[in-house]
Amino acid sequence: MATQKHKTAANLLNDYHLLSFDSLDSTNEEAKRLARGGGHHGAVIWAKSQTDGKGRLGRNWVSLEGNLFVSILLQPEKPLEEFSQLSFVAAVAAIEALAAVVPQSSSLQCKWPNDILLNDRKLGGILLESFRTEEEKHWAVVGVGINVDSYPPAFAEAKPLQLRAGRPHTQFPAICLKEAGVELVSAKIILSRFIHHFIERYNQWNVKGFAAIRKQWLNAAWGLDKRICAHLPQGNIEGVCLGIDADGSLTLKLDNGRKQQVHAADVFPVEKMEA
């Protein structure tokens, strides 16, 4: 694969090519099929709807037409252990793409590990997958979903979520751009803006590393310097969010003053308990 380190913005754009579909089972799955069938770095797979969209941990991503569902097939010139940083690259690009279209009074934030929040409600999410083909090539697929026109009614309200420690937490209700007062916008417009910013941020990461991306992500981070709860398979951890470290892991300051790294979890605000 040709190096990308000294390419101009115009040449970088030429590395990416759009494949558009009325419907797919999953844009991420199509990207994987493309890689295994001889596809190339920079394929952008866009579907108007998905029949089997997926979120983190295999969760179903309800994919209604009018919203954005896109995946980018990549062959990063990085060690495999750094591929996970691409989730933060995509989050920064999404925030930049959306910032110019939402009302100025809006709060756009990145919620670790992979959510995009608008006014403390879930606007979108990112699904990063890496894999190896039979030719021993390592690939990454960055999938992004943004609620543009709608979201499933079942996600309209915050719901109590009973976690293992017995302390109730609240899920983040959904929101879409239309409900937030954004007019004359479409999935295609958001796609164009997102790809523009993703190309810039991907090249920044590819050339300069993760530090600048990490700083930009932290500038928009939800829960920073606040007490949050990380839900883990073995139980829950509560602490003050100190941000993310150099590999993208969440850092919490526990009540005993010790710092705890969290590599994978769902995070929630800590609710005040009534006596």
C-alpha atoms as a PDB file:
ATOM      1  CA  MET A   1       0.000   0.000   0.000  1.00  0.00           C
ATOM      2  CA  ALA A   2       1.353   3.430  -0.961  1.00  0.00           C
ATOM      3  CA  THR A   3       2.344   5.738   1.882  1.00  0.00           C
ATOM      4  CA  GLN A   4      -0.066   8.541   2.776  1.00  0.00           C
ATOM      5  CA  LYS A   5       2.316  10.628   4.838  1.00  0.00           C
ATOM      6  CA  HIS A   6       3.032  13.377   2.322  1.00  0.00           C
ATOM      7  CA  LYS A   7      -0.154  13.550   0.319  1.00  0.00           C
ATOM      8  CA  THR A   8      -2.021  16.777  -0.315  1.00  0.00           C
ATOM      9  CA  ALA A   9      -5.636  17.212   0.762  1.00  0.00           C
ATOM     10  CA  ALA A  10      -6.789  16.646  -2.827  1.00  0.00           C
ATOM     11  CA  ASN A  11      -4.781  13.439  -3.157  1.00  0.00           C
ATOM     12  CA  LEU A  12      -6.041  12.210   0.206  1.00  0.00           C
ATOM     13  CA  LEU A  13      -9.600  12.624  -1.054  1.00  0.00           C
ATOM     14  CA  ASN A  14      -8.731  10.438  -4.037  1.00  0.00           C
ATOM     15  CA  ASP A  15      -7.955   7.578  -1.653  1.00  0.00           C
ATOM     16  CA  TYR A  16     -11.655   7.373  -0.722  1.00  0.00           C
ATOM     17  CA  HIS A  17     -14.465   6.149  -2.937  1.00  0.00           C
ATOM     18  CA  LEU A  18     -18.179   6.006  -2.148  1.00  0.00           C
ATOM     19  CA  LEU A  19     -20.293   2.879  -2.589  1.00  0.00           C
ATOM     20  CA  SER A  20     -23.983   3.665  -2.132  1.00  0.00           C
ATOM     21  CA  PHE A  21     -26.766   1.153  -1.403  1.00  0.00           C
ATOM     22  CA  ASP A  22     -30.498   1.457  -0.862  1.00  0.00           C
ATOM     23  CA  SER A  23     -30.308  -1.246   1.806  1.00  0.00           C
ATOM     24  CA  LEU A  24     -27.744  -3.578   3.362  1.00  0.00           C
ATOM     25  CA  ASP A  25     -27.744  -6.013   6.233  1.00  0.00           C
ATOM     26  CA  SER A  26     -24.910  -3.982   7.759  1.00  0.00           C
ATOM     27  CA  THR A  27     -22.456  -1.482   6.301  1.00  0.00           C
ATOM     28  CA  ASN A  28     -19.710  -2.942   8.502  1.00  0.00           C
ATOM     29  CA  GLU A  29     -20.409  -6.436   7.192  1.00  0.00           C
ATOM     30  CA  GLU A  30     -20.354  -5.161   3.611  1.00  0.00           C
ATOM     31  CA  ALA A  31     -16.983  -3.526   4.274  1.00  0.00           C
ATOM     32  CA  LYS A  32     -15.620  -6.851   5.550  1.00  0.00           C
ATOM     33  CA  ARG A  33     -16.959  -8.686   2.509  1.00  0.00           C
ATOM     34  CA  LEU A  34     -15.333  -6.071   0.310  1.00  0.00           C
ATOM     35  CA  ALA A  35     -11.948  -6.501   1.989  1.00  0.00           C
ATOM     36  CA  ARG A  36     -12.087 -10.276   1.626  1.00  0.00           C
ATOM     37  CA  GLY A  37     -13.081  -9.894  -2.011  1.00  0.00           C
ATOM     38  CA  GLY A  38     -10.127  -7.739  -2.996  1.00  0.00           C
ATOM     39  CA  GLY A  39     -11.330  -4.306  -1.924  1.00  0.00           C
ATOM     40  CA  HIS A  40      -9.080  -1.371  -1.169  1.00  0.00           C
ATOM     41  CA  HIS A  41      -8.339   1.096   1.597  1.00  0.00           C
ATOM     42  CA  GLY A  42     -10.716   4.049   1.572  1.00  0.00           C
ATOM     43  CA  ALA A  43     -13.963   2.384   0.531  1.00  0.00           C
ATOM     44  CA  VAL A  44     -16.892   4.313   2.023  1.00  0.00           C
ATOM     45  CA  ILE A  45     -19.999   2.122   2.284  1.00  0.00           C
ATOM     46  CA  TRP A  46     -23.226   4.090   2.707  1.00  0.00           C
ATOM     47  CA  ALA A  47     -26.672   2.505   3.035  1.00  0.00           C
ATOM     48  CA  LYS A  48     -29.995   4.319   3.283  1.00  0.00           C
ATOM     49  CA  SER A  49     -31.196   1.573   5.627  1.00  0.00           C
ATOM     50  CA  GLN A  50     -29.879  -1.561   7.320  1.00  0.00           C
ATOM     51  CA  THR A  51     -31.738  -4.770   8.069  1.00  0.00           C
ATOM     52  CA  ASP A  52     -29.255  -6.083  10.637  1.00  0.00           C
ATOM     53  CA  GLY A  53     -27.349  -3.074  11.953  1.00  0.00           C
ATOM     54  CA  LYS A  54     -25.069  -3.678  14.921  1.00  0.00           C
ATOM     55  CA  GLY A  55     -23.716  -1.639  17.804  1.00  0.00           C
ATOM     56  CA  ARG A  56     -21.125  -2.502  20.432  1.00  0.00           C
ATOM     57  CA  LEU A  57     -21.175  -6.011  21.915  1.00  0.00           C
ATOM     58  CA  GLY A  58     -23.454  -7.235  19.132  1.00  0.00           C
ATOM     59  CA  ARG A  59     -26.349  -5.032  20.201  1.00  0.00           C
ATOM     60  CA  ASN A  60     -28.992  -4.307  17.602  1.00  0.00           C
ATOM     61  CA  TRP A  61     -28.783  -0.865  15.960  1.00  0.00           C
ATOM     62  CA  VAL A  62     -32.256   0.036  14.696  1.00  0.00           C
ATOM     63  CA  SER A  63     -31.628   1.519  11.242  1.00  0.00           C
ATOM     64  CA  LEU A  64     -34.504   3.645   9.994  1.00  0.00           C
ATOM     65  CA  GLU A  65     -34.278   5.257   6.553  1.00  0.00           C
ATOM     66  CA  GLY A  66     -33.453   8.958   6.705  1.00  0.00           C
ATOM     67  CA  ASN A  67     -30.604   8.448   9.165  1.00  0.00           C
ATOM     68  CA  LEU A  68     -26.909   8.012   8.427  1.00  0.00           C
ATOM     69  CA  PHE A  69     -25.319   4.551   8.277  1.00  0.00           C
ATOM     70  CA  VAL A  70     -21.784   4.507   6.921  1.00  0.00           C
ATOM     71  CA  SER A  71     -18.637   2.413   7.257  1.00  0.00           C
ATOM     72  CA  ILE A  72     -15.103   3.165   6.115  1.00  0.00           C
ATOM     73  CA  LEU A  73     -12.717   0.369   5.161  1.00  0.00           C
ATOM     74  CA  LEU A  74      -9.133   1.132   6.168  1.00  0.00           C
ATOM     75  CA  GLN A  75      -5.672  -0.407   6.085  1.00  0.00           C
ATOM     76  CA  PRO A  76      -3.858   1.734   8.651  1.00  0.00           C
ATOM     77  CA  GLU A  77      -0.101   2.062   8.486  1.00  0.00           C
ATOM     78  CA  LYS A  78       0.068   1.449  12.209  1.00  0.00           C
ATOM     79  CA  PRO A  79       0.663  -1.444  14.609  1.00  0.00           C
ATOM     80  CA  LEU A  80      -2.474  -3.485  15.185  1.00  0.00           C
ATOM     81  CA  GLU A  81      -2.649  -2.437  18.840  1.00  0.00           C
ATOM     82  CA  GLU A  82      -3.169   1.186  17.759  1.00  0.00           C
ATOM     83  CA  PHE A  83      -6.211   0.443  15.585  1.00  0.00           C
ATOM     84  CA  SER A  84      -8.515   1.025  18.577  1.00  0.00           C
ATOM     85  CA  GLN A  85      -7.616   4.720  18.438  1.00  0.00           C
ATOM     86  CA  LEU A  86      -9.657   5.012  15.248  1.00  0.00           C
ATOM     87  CA  SER A  87     -12.845   5.126  17.319  1.00  0.00           C
ATOM     88  CA  PHE A  88     -11.651   8.442  18.750  1.00  0.00           C
ATOM     89  CA  VAL A  89     -10.600   9.679  15.297  1.00  0.00           C
ATOM     90  CA  ALA A  90     -14.150   9.038  14.088  1.00  0.00           C
ATOM     91  CA  ALA A  91     -15.704  10.668  17.161  1.00  0.00           C
ATOM     92  CA  VAL A  92     -13.700  13.865  16.686  1.00  0.00           C
ATOM     93  CA  ALA A  93     -14.634  13.941  12.993  1.00  0.00           C
ATOM     94  CA  ALA A  94     -18.318  13.432  13.831  1.00  0.00           C
ATOM     95  CA  ILE A  95     -18.309  16.262  16.375  1.00  0.00           C
ATOM     96  CA  GLU A  96     -16.661  18.575  13.846  1.00  0.00           C
ATOM     97  CA  ALA A  97     -19.116  17.567  11.120  1.00  0.00           C
ATOM     98  CA  LEU A  98     -22.135  18.188  13.342  1.00  0.00           C
ATOM     99  CA  ALA A  99     -20.968  21.349  15.098  1.00  0.00           C
ATOM    100  CA  ALA A 100     -21.819  23.618  12.175  1.00  0.00           C
ATOM    101  CA  VAL A 101     -25.369  22.305  11.719  1.00  0.00           C
ATOM    102  CA  VAL A 102     -26.724  22.114  15.287  1.00  0.00           C
ATOM    103  CA  PRO A 103     -27.992  25.248  17.109  1.00  0.00           C
ATOM    104  CA  GLN A 104     -25.195  27.260  18.713  1.00  0.00           C
ATOM    105  CA  SER A 105     -26.630  26.691  22.174  1.00  0.00           C
ATOM    106  CA  SER A 106     -26.355  22.918  21.752  1.00  0.00           C
ATOM    107  CA  SER A 107     -23.941  20.707  23.643  1.00  0.00           C
ATOM    108  CA  LEU A 108     -22.169  18.151  21.448  1.00  0.00           C
ATOM    109  CA  GLN A 109     -20.081  15.646  23.367  1.00  0.00           C
ATOM    110  CA  CYS A 110     -18.155  12.404  22.970  1.00  0.00           C
ATOM    111  CA  LYS A 111     -19.130   9.777  25.540  1.00  0.00           C
ATOM    112  CA  TRP A 112     -16.568   7.051  26.139  1.00  0.00           C
ATOM    113  CA  PRO A 113     -16.173   4.646  24.544  1.00  0.00           C
ATOM    114  CA  ASN A 114     -18.159   5.267  21.360  1.00  0.00           C
ATOM    115  CA  ASP A 115     -21.237   7.523  21.689  1.00  0.00           C
ATOM    116  CA  ILE A 116     -22.056  10.964  20.321  1.00  0.00           C
ATOM    117  CA  LEU A 117     -24.320  12.993  22.605  1.00  0.00           C
ATOM    118  CA  LEU A 118     -26.402  16.054  21.825  1.00  0.00           C
ATOM    119  CA  ASN A 119     -27.739  17.854  24.895  1.00  0.00           C
ATOM    120  CA  ASP A 120     -27.119  14.730  27.022  1.00  0.00           C
ATOM    121  CA  ARG A 121     -29.091  12.524  24.641  1.00  0.00           C
ATOM    122  CA  LYS A 122     -27.702   9.914  22.287  1.00  0.00           C
ATOM    123  CA  LEU A 123     -27.392  11.201  18.736  1.00  0.00           C
ATOM    124  CA  GLY A 124     -25.109   8.549  17.314  1.00  0.00           C
ATOM    125  CA  GLY A 125     -22.550   5.856  17.853  1.00  0.00           C
ATOM    126  CA  ILE A 126     -19.394   4.328  16.454  1.00  0.00           C
ATOM    127  CA  LEU A 127     -18.574   0.662  15.889  1.00  0.00           C
ATOM    128  CA  LEU A 128     -14.918  -0.148  15.251  1.00  0.00           C
ATOM    129  CA  GLU A 129     -13.931  -3.623  14.104  1.00  0.00           C
ATOM    130  CA  SER A 130     -10.555  -5.006  13.072  1.00  0.00           C
ATOM    131  CA  PHE A 131      -9.855  -8.269  11.293  1.00  0.00           C
ATOM    132  CA  ARG A 132      -7.347 -10.149   9.159  1.00  0.00           C
ATOM    133  CA  THR A 133      -7.959 -11.624   5.719  1.00  0.00           C
ATOM    134  CA  GLU A 134      -6.522 -14.851   4.361  1.00  0.00           C
ATOM    135  CA  GLU A 135      -3.760 -12.818   2.720  1.00  0.00           C
ATOM    136  CA  GLU A 136      -2.587 -11.842   6.245  1.00  0.00           C
ATOM    137  CA  LYS A 137      -3.655  -8.251   5.691  1.00  0.00           C
ATOM    138  CA  HIS A 138      -4.916  -6.343   8.707  1.00  0.00           C
ATOM    139  CA  TRP A 139      -7.988  -4.155   8.208  1.00  0.00           C
ATOM    140  CA  ALA A 140     -10.130  -1.814  10.249  1.00  0.00           C
ATOM    141  CA  VAL A 141     -13.746  -0.869   9.660  1.00  0.00           C
ATOM    142  CA  VAL A 142     -15.100   2.310  11.228  1.00  0.00           C
ATOM    143  CA  GLY A 143     -18.895   2.261  11.315  1.00  0.00           C
ATOM    144  CA  VAL A 144     -20.875   5.383  12.197  1.00  0.00           C
ATOM    145  CA  GLY A 145     -24.586   5.844  12.782  1.00  0.00           C
ATOM    146  CA  ILE A 146     -26.191   9.267  13.250  1.00  0.00           C
ATOM    147  CA  ASN A 147     -29.867   9.936  13.974  1.00  0.00           C
ATOM    148  CA  VAL A 148     -30.740  12.563  11.374  1.00  0.00           C
ATOM    149  CA  ASP A 149     -34.513  12.296  10.844  1.00  0.00           C
ATOM    150  CA  SER A 150     -35.691   9.934  13.560  1.00  0.00           C
ATOM    151  CA  TYR A 151     -34.961   7.362  16.231  1.00  0.00           C
ATOM    152  CA  PRO A 152     -36.893   4.349  17.577  1.00  0.00           C
ATOM    153  CA  PRO A 153     -39.740   5.472  19.875  1.00  0.00           C
ATOM    154  CA  ALA A 154     -38.631   2.921  22.465  1.00  0.00           C
ATOM    155  CA  PHE A 155     -35.513   5.039  23.079  1.00  0.00           C
ATOM    156  CA  ALA A 156     -37.343   8.346  23.519  1.00  0.00           C
ATOM    157  CA  GLU A 157     -37.268   8.380  27.327  1.00  0.00           C
ATOM    158  CA  ALA A 158     -34.592   7.786  29.909  1.00  0.00           C
ATOM    159  CA  LYS A 159     -35.122   4.445  31.591  1.00  0.00           C
ATOM    160  CA  PRO A 160     -33.801   3.167  34.906  1.00  0.00           C
ATOM    161  CA  LEU A 161     -31.117   0.573  34.367  1.00  0.00           C
ATOM    162  CA  GLN A 162     -30.534  -1.800  37.252  1.00  0.00           C
ATOM    163  CA  LEU A 163     -26.862  -2.636  37.365  1.00  0.00           C
ATOM    164  CA  ARG A 164     -25.200  -5.390  39.303  1.00  0.00           C
ATOM    165  CA  ALA A 165     -24.243  -3.336  42.367  1.00  0.00           C
ATOM    166  CA  GLY A 166     -27.888  -2.458  42.967  1.00  0.00           C
ATOM    167  CA  ARG A 167     -27.469   1.269  42.378  1.00  0.00           C
ATOM    168  CA  PRO A 168     -29.902   2.566  39.711  1.00  0.00           C
ATOM    169  CA  HIS A 169     -28.481   4.414  36.715  1.00  0.00           C
ATOM    170  CA  THR A 170     -30.090   6.086  33.753  1.00  0.00           C
ATOM    171  CA  GLN A 171     -29.710   5.222  30.120  1.00  0.00           C
ATOM    172  CA  PHE A 172     -29.297   8.112  27.706  1.00  0.00           C
ATOM    173  CA  PRO A 173     -32.495   8.760  25.745  1.00  0.00           C
ATOM    174  CA  ALA A 174     -32.156   9.201  21.991  1.00  0.00           C
ATOM    175  CA  ILE A 175     -32.400  12.375  19.943  1.00  0.00           C
ATOM    176  CA  CYS A 176     -32.215  13.190  16.229  1.00  0.00           C
ATOM    177  CA  LEU A 177     -31.095  16.323  14.414  1.00  0.00           C
ATOM    178  CA  LYS A 178     -34.629  17.053  13.246  1.00  0.00           C
ATOM    179  CA  GLU A 179     -35.964  17.030  16.812  1.00  0.00           C
ATOM    180  CA  ALA A 180     -33.085  19.291  17.861  1.00  0.00           C
ATOM    181  CA  GLY A 181     -34.306  21.943  15.429  1.00  0.00           C
ATOM    182  CA  VAL A 182     -31.909  21.265  12.565  1.00  0.00           C
ATOM    183  CA  GLU A 183     -33.711  21.960   9.306  1.00  0.00           C
ATOM    184  CA  LEU A 184     -32.823  21.376   5.651  1.00  0.00           C
ATOM    185  CA  VAL A 185     -30.333  18.658   6.446  1.00  0.00           C
ATOM    186  CA  SER A 186     -30.155  15.078   5.207  1.00  0.00           C
ATOM    187  CA  ALA A 187     -28.107  11.955   5.777  1.00  0.00           C
ATOM    188  CA  LYS A 188     -26.251  12.716   2.543  1.00  0.00           C
ATOM    189  CA  ILE A 189     -25.233  16.169   3.786  1.00  0.00           C
ATOM    190  CA  ILE A 190     -24.020  14.797   7.115  1.00  0.00           C
ATOM    191  CA  LEU A 191     -22.174  12.027   5.255  1.00  0.00           C
ATOM    192  CA  SER A 192     -20.339  14.551   3.088  1.00  0.00           C
ATOM    193  CA  ARG A 193     -19.350  16.657   6.084  1.00  0.00           C
ATOM    194  CA  PHE A 194     -18.284  13.624   8.119  1.00  0.00           C
ATOM    195  CA  ILE A 195     -16.079  12.141   5.379  1.00  0.00           C
ATOM    196  CA  HIS A 196     -14.409  15.535   4.852  1.00  0.00           C
ATOM    197  CA  HIS A 197     -13.486  15.778   8.538  1.00  0.00           C
ATOM    198  CA  PHE A 198     -12.641  12.087   8.874  1.00  0.00           C
ATOM    199  CA  ILE A 199     -10.082  12.299   6.061  1.00  0.00           C
ATOM    200  CA  GLU A 200      -8.412  15.245   7.800  1.00  0.00           C
ATOM    201  CA  ARG A 201      -8.368  13.600  11.227  1.00  0.00           C
ATOM    202  CA  TYR A 202      -7.289  10.202   9.880  1.00  0.00           C
ATOM    203  CA  ASN A 203      -4.328  11.803   8.129  1.00  0.00           C
ATOM    204  CA  GLN A 204      -3.486  13.725  11.313  1.00  0.00           C
ATOM    205  CA  TRP A 205      -3.507  10.466  13.280  1.00  0.00           C
ATOM    206  CA  ASN A 206      -1.565   8.613  10.583  1.00  0.00           C
ATOM    207  CA  VAL A 207       1.177  11.249  10.451  1.00  0.00           C
ATOM    208  CA  LYS A 208       1.333  12.716  13.964  1.00  0.00           C
ATOM    209  CA  GLY A 209      -0.043   9.973  16.169  1.00  0.00           C
ATOM    210  CA  PHE A 210      -2.765   9.852  18.792  1.00  0.00           C
ATOM    211  CA  ALA A 211      -1.815  12.770  21.070  1.00  0.00           C
ATOM    212  CA  ALA A 212      -3.576  15.522  19.088  1.00  0.00           C
ATOM    213  CA  ILE A 213      -6.672  13.361  18.513  1.00  0.00           C
ATOM    214  CA  ARG A 214      -6.790  12.554  22.231  1.00  0.00           C
ATOM    215  CA  LYS A 215      -6.642  16.271  23.094  1.00  0.00           C
ATOM    216  CA  GLN A 216      -9.459  17.089  20.660  1.00  0.00           C
ATOM    217  CA  TRP A 217     -11.576  14.233  21.998  1.00  0.00           C
ATOM    218  CA  LEU A 218     -11.059  15.387  25.593  1.00  0.00           C
ATOM    219  CA  ASN A 219     -12.174  18.903  24.637  1.00  0.00           C
ATOM    220  CA  ALA A 220     -15.612  17.435  23.888  1.00  0.00           C
ATOM    221  CA  ALA A 221     -15.660  14.653  26.487  1.00  0.00           C
ATOM    222  CA  TRP A 222     -18.801  13.912  28.487  1.00  0.00           C
ATOM    223  CA  GLY A 223     -18.330  13.313  32.214  1.00  0.00           C
ATOM    224  CA  LEU A 224     -14.826  14.775  32.467  1.00  0.00           C
ATOM    225  CA  ASP A 225     -13.962  15.658  36.090  1.00  0.00           C
ATOM    226  CA  LYS A 226     -17.337  14.294  37.208  1.00  0.00           C
ATOM    227  CA  ARG A 227     -18.277  11.193  39.149  1.00  0.00           C
ATOM    228  CA  ILE A 228     -19.392   8.377  36.864  1.00  0.00           C
ATOM    229  CA  CYS A 229     -19.985   4.641  37.027  1.00  0.00           C
ATOM    230  CA  ALA A 230     -18.332   2.074  34.760  1.00  0.00           C
ATOM    231  CA  HIS A 231     -20.394  -1.111  34.353  1.00  0.00           C
ATOM    232  CA  LEU A 232     -18.105  -4.133  34.015  1.00  0.00           C
ATOM    233  CA  PRO A 233     -18.922  -7.856  33.748  1.00  0.00           C
ATOM    234  CA  GLN A 234     -17.432  -8.414  37.208  1.00  0.00           C
ATOM    235  CA  GLY A 235     -19.215  -5.445  38.819  1.00  0.00           C
ATOM    236  CA  ASN A 236     -19.325  -1.660  38.838  1.00  0.00           C
ATOM    237  CA  ILE A 237     -16.625   0.910  39.485  1.00  0.00           C
ATOM    238  CA  GLU A 238     -17.424   4.473  40.543  1.00  0.00           C
ATOM    239  CA  GLY A 239     -14.972   7.331  40.437  1.00  0.00           C
ATOM    240  CA  VAL A 240     -14.139  10.737  39.047  1.00  0.00           C
ATOM    241  CA  CYS A 241     -13.453  10.667  35.303  1.00  0.00           C
ATOM    242  CA  LEU A 242      -9.929  11.905  34.589  1.00  0.00           C
ATOM    243  CA  GLY A 243     -10.187  11.319  30.837  1.00  0.00           C
ATOM    244  CA  ILE A 244      -8.461   8.778  28.609  1.00  0.00           C
ATOM    245  CA  ASP A 245      -4.864   7.667  28.561  1.00  0.00           C
ATOM    246  CA  ALA A 246      -2.474   7.272  25.654  1.00  0.00           C
ATOM    247  CA  ASP A 247      -4.140   4.075  24.417  1.00  0.00           C
ATOM    248  CA  GLY A 248      -7.731   5.326  24.818  1.00  0.00           C
ATOM    249  CA  SER A 249      -8.531   3.558  28.094  1.00  0.00           C
ATOM    250  CA  LEU A 250     -10.764   5.408  30.557  1.00  0.00           C
ATOM    251  CA  THR A 251      -9.066   6.674  33.724  1.00  0.00           C
ATOM    252  CA  LEU A 252     -11.062   6.930  36.951  1.00  0.00           C
ATOM    253  CA  LYS A 253      -9.950   8.314  40.288  1.00  0.00           C
ATOM    254  CA  LEU A 254     -11.411   6.039  42.962  1.00  0.00           C
ATOM    255  CA  ASP A 255     -12.537   7.068  46.449  1.00  0.00           C
ATOM    256  CA  ASN A 256      -9.276   5.777  47.915  1.00  0.00           C
ATOM    257  CA  GLY A 257      -7.305   8.060  45.601  1.00  0.00           C
ATOM    258  CA  ARG A 258      -6.062   5.249  43.391  1.00  0.00           C
ATOM    259  CA  LYS A 259      -6.315   5.584  39.624  1.00  0.00           C
ATOM    260  CA  GLN A 260      -8.116   2.797  37.771  1.00  0.00           C
ATOM    261  CA  GLN A 261      -7.803   2.111  34.051  1.00  0.00           C
ATOM    262  CA  VAL A 262     -10.943   0.796  32.351  1.00  0.00           C
ATOM    263  CA  HIS A 263     -10.423  -0.818  28.957  1.00  0.00           C
ATOM    264  CA  ALA A 264     -14.030  -1.702  28.070  1.00  0.00           C
ATOM    265  CA  ALA A 265     -17.296  -0.838  29.819  1.00  0.00           C
ATOM    266  CA  ASP A 266     -20.555   1.057  29.618  1.00  0.00           C
ATOM    267  CA  VAL A 267     -20.460   4.308  31.586  1.00  0.00           C
ATOM    268  CA  PHE A 268     -23.293   6.203  33.253  1.00  0.00           C
ATOM    269  CA  PRO A 269     -23.758   9.221  35.502  1.00  0.00           C
ATOM    270  CA  VAL A 270     -23.929   8.386  39.176  1.00  0.00           C
ATOM    271  CA  GLU A 271     -27.452   9.091  40.412  1.00  0.00           C
ATOM    272  CA  LYS A 272     -28.073  10.645  43.802  1.00  0.00           C
ATOM    273  CA  MET A 273     -29.652   8.149  46.144  1.00  0.00           C
ATOM    274  CA  GLU A 274     -32.520   9.048  48.414  1.00  0.00           C
ATOM    275  CA  ALA A 275     -31.985   8.275  52.055  1.00  0.00           C
END
